[in-house]
Amino acid sequence: MFEARVDGVIIYQGQEYTCTALEPYRRQDGTLSELARWTASCAHCGEPFTITTPVKANRFQPNRRCPAHHWPGHKVTTPSRRGK
């Protein structure tokens, strides 16, 4: 389990995610929670983008591409594997 904190950094499969904010969130059942806002660089184009995750979660599996290059179900390939 991980717990996000502001200015915390997570390296996920070689990609760096920085937690920039914790925001209050009200669930559909009315209970209060918090979401973490993360900033990263797109694995495809390198442009910065943001995502949100629960502050407390069992695992961290973020989007690796910005909204312009979002490609569900397709793995991000590293530059060393692209030429093979």
C-alpha atoms as a PDB file:
ATOM      1  CA  MET A   1       0.000   0.000   0.000  1.00  0.00           C
ATOM      2  CA  PHE A   2       1.236   3.490  -0.732  1.00  0.00           C
ATOM      3  CA  GLU A   3       0.160   6.821   0.683  1.00  0.00           C
ATOM      4  CA  ALA A   4       0.715  10.007  -1.301  1.00  0.00           C
ATOM      5  CA  ARG A   5       2.141  13.179   0.199  1.00  0.00           C
ATOM      6  CA  VAL A   6       2.755  16.598  -1.358  1.00  0.00           C
ATOM      7  CA  ASP A   7       6.183  16.785  -3.052  1.00  0.00           C
ATOM      8  CA  GLY A   8       6.466  13.003  -2.832  1.00  0.00           C
ATOM      9  CA  VAL A   9       8.040  11.343  -5.871  1.00  0.00           C
ATOM     10  CA  ILE A  10       7.300   7.888  -7.233  1.00  0.00           C
ATOM     11  CA  ILE A  11       9.274   6.289 -10.037  1.00  0.00           C
ATOM     12  CA  TYR A  12       6.954   3.950 -11.956  1.00  0.00           C
ATOM     13  CA  GLN A  13       8.631   1.896 -14.673  1.00  0.00           C
ATOM     14  CA  GLY A  14      11.301   4.570 -15.106  1.00  0.00           C
ATOM     15  CA  GLN A  15       8.821   7.459 -15.271  1.00  0.00           C
ATOM     16  CA  GLU A  16       8.806  10.075 -12.496  1.00  0.00           C
ATOM     17  CA  TYR A  17       5.545  11.228 -10.890  1.00  0.00           C
ATOM     18  CA  THR A  18       5.525  14.116  -8.420  1.00  0.00           C
ATOM     19  CA  CYS A  19       2.582  14.679  -6.077  1.00  0.00           C
ATOM     20  CA  THR A  20       1.667  18.363  -6.372  1.00  0.00           C
ATOM     21  CA  ALA A  21      -1.495  18.549  -4.248  1.00  0.00           C
ATOM     22  CA  LEU A  22      -3.915  16.679  -2.011  1.00  0.00           C
ATOM     23  CA  GLU A  23      -7.534  17.608  -2.669  1.00  0.00           C
ATOM     24  CA  PRO A  24     -10.681  16.845  -0.665  1.00  0.00           C
ATOM     25  CA  TYR A  25     -13.175  14.578  -2.412  1.00  0.00           C
ATOM     26  CA  ARG A  26     -16.711  13.515  -1.538  1.00  0.00           C
ATOM     27  CA  ARG A  27     -17.589   9.989  -2.645  1.00  0.00           C
ATOM     28  CA  GLN A  28     -21.002   9.092  -4.064  1.00  0.00           C
ATOM     29  CA  ASP A  29     -21.983   7.573  -0.706  1.00  0.00           C
ATOM     30  CA  GLY A  30     -21.258  10.935   0.962  1.00  0.00           C
ATOM     31  CA  THR A  31     -18.070  10.004   2.814  1.00  0.00           C
ATOM     32  CA  LEU A  32     -15.090  12.318   2.593  1.00  0.00           C
ATOM     33  CA  SER A  33     -11.798  11.241   1.095  1.00  0.00           C
ATOM     34  CA  GLU A  34      -8.739  12.786  -0.511  1.00  0.00           C
ATOM     35  CA  LEU A  35      -7.279  12.609  -3.993  1.00  0.00           C
ATOM     36  CA  ALA A  36      -3.631  13.131  -4.894  1.00  0.00           C
ATOM     37  CA  ARG A  37      -2.781  15.194  -7.985  1.00  0.00           C
ATOM     38  CA  TRP A  38       0.382  13.996  -9.760  1.00  0.00           C
ATOM     39  CA  THR A  39       2.462  15.619 -12.496  1.00  0.00           C
ATOM     40  CA  ALA A  40       4.543  13.620 -14.958  1.00  0.00           C
ATOM     41  CA  SER A  41       5.960  13.828 -18.468  1.00  0.00           C
ATOM     42  CA  CYS A  42       4.225  11.907 -21.247  1.00  0.00           C
ATOM     43  CA  ALA A  43       6.110   8.742 -22.207  1.00  0.00           C
ATOM     44  CA  HIS A  44       5.281   9.448 -25.862  1.00  0.00           C
ATOM     45  CA  CYS A  45       5.890  13.192 -26.388  1.00  0.00           C
ATOM     46  CA  GLY A  46       7.473  14.366 -23.126  1.00  0.00           C
ATOM     47  CA  GLU A  47       4.872  17.066 -22.442  1.00  0.00           C
ATOM     48  CA  PRO A  48       3.779  17.481 -18.800  1.00  0.00           C
ATOM     49  CA  PHE A  49       0.353  16.190 -17.776  1.00  0.00           C
ATOM     50  CA  THR A  50      -1.530  15.593 -14.530  1.00  0.00           C
ATOM     51  CA  ILE A  51      -3.470  12.653 -13.116  1.00  0.00           C
ATOM     52  CA  THR A  52      -5.381  12.039  -9.900  1.00  0.00           C
ATOM     53  CA  THR A  53      -5.294   8.954  -7.696  1.00  0.00           C
ATOM     54  CA  PRO A  54      -6.622   8.088  -4.250  1.00  0.00           C
ATOM     55  CA  VAL A  55      -4.229   9.244  -1.509  1.00  0.00           C
ATOM     56  CA  LYS A  56      -4.216   5.729  -0.067  1.00  0.00           C
ATOM     57  CA  ALA A  57      -4.230   2.836  -2.528  1.00  0.00           C
ATOM     58  CA  ASN A  58      -3.105  -0.760  -2.745  1.00  0.00           C
ATOM     59  CA  ARG A  59      -0.998  -0.067  -5.825  1.00  0.00           C
ATOM     60  CA  PHE A  60       0.125   2.759  -8.080  1.00  0.00           C
ATOM     61  CA  GLN A  61      -0.606   2.133 -11.770  1.00  0.00           C
ATOM     62  CA  PRO A  62      -0.870   5.558 -13.390  1.00  0.00           C
ATOM     63  CA  ASN A  63      -1.481   6.610 -16.970  1.00  0.00           C
ATOM     64  CA  ARG A  64       1.891   6.952 -18.664  1.00  0.00           C
ATOM     65  CA  ARG A  65       0.781   9.134 -21.567  1.00  0.00           C
ATOM     66  CA  CYS A  66      -0.853  12.558 -21.786  1.00  0.00           C
ATOM     67  CA  PRO A  67      -4.508  12.823 -22.915  1.00  0.00           C
ATOM     68  CA  ALA A  68      -3.403  13.574 -26.499  1.00  0.00           C
ATOM     69  CA  HIS A  69      -1.473  10.280 -26.695  1.00  0.00           C
ATOM     70  CA  HIS A  70      -3.660   8.112 -24.437  1.00  0.00           C
ATOM     71  CA  TRP A  71      -3.694   4.596 -25.906  1.00  0.00           C
ATOM     72  CA  PRO A  72      -5.497   2.111 -23.624  1.00  0.00           C
ATOM     73  CA  GLY A  73      -4.273  -1.477 -23.726  1.00  0.00           C
ATOM     74  CA  HIS A  74      -0.955  -0.652 -25.418  1.00  0.00           C
ATOM     75  CA  LYS A  75       2.220  -0.806 -23.380  1.00  0.00           C
ATOM     76  CA  VAL A  76       4.716   2.015 -23.414  1.00  0.00           C
ATOM     77  CA  THR A  77       7.904   0.898 -25.114  1.00  0.00           C
ATOM     78  CA  THR A  78      11.257   2.248 -24.041  1.00  0.00           C
ATOM     79  CA  PRO A  79      13.553   3.841 -26.642  1.00  0.00           C
ATOM     80  CA  SER A  80      15.970   0.894 -26.431  1.00  0.00           C
ATOM     81  CA  ARG A  81      13.185  -1.542 -27.423  1.00  0.00           C
ATOM     82  CA  ARG A  82      11.658   0.534 -30.237  1.00  0.00           C
ATOM     83  CA  GLY A  83      14.409  -0.331 -32.698  1.00  0.00           C
ATOM     84  CA  LYS A  84      14.184  -4.090 -32.126  1.00  0.00           C
END
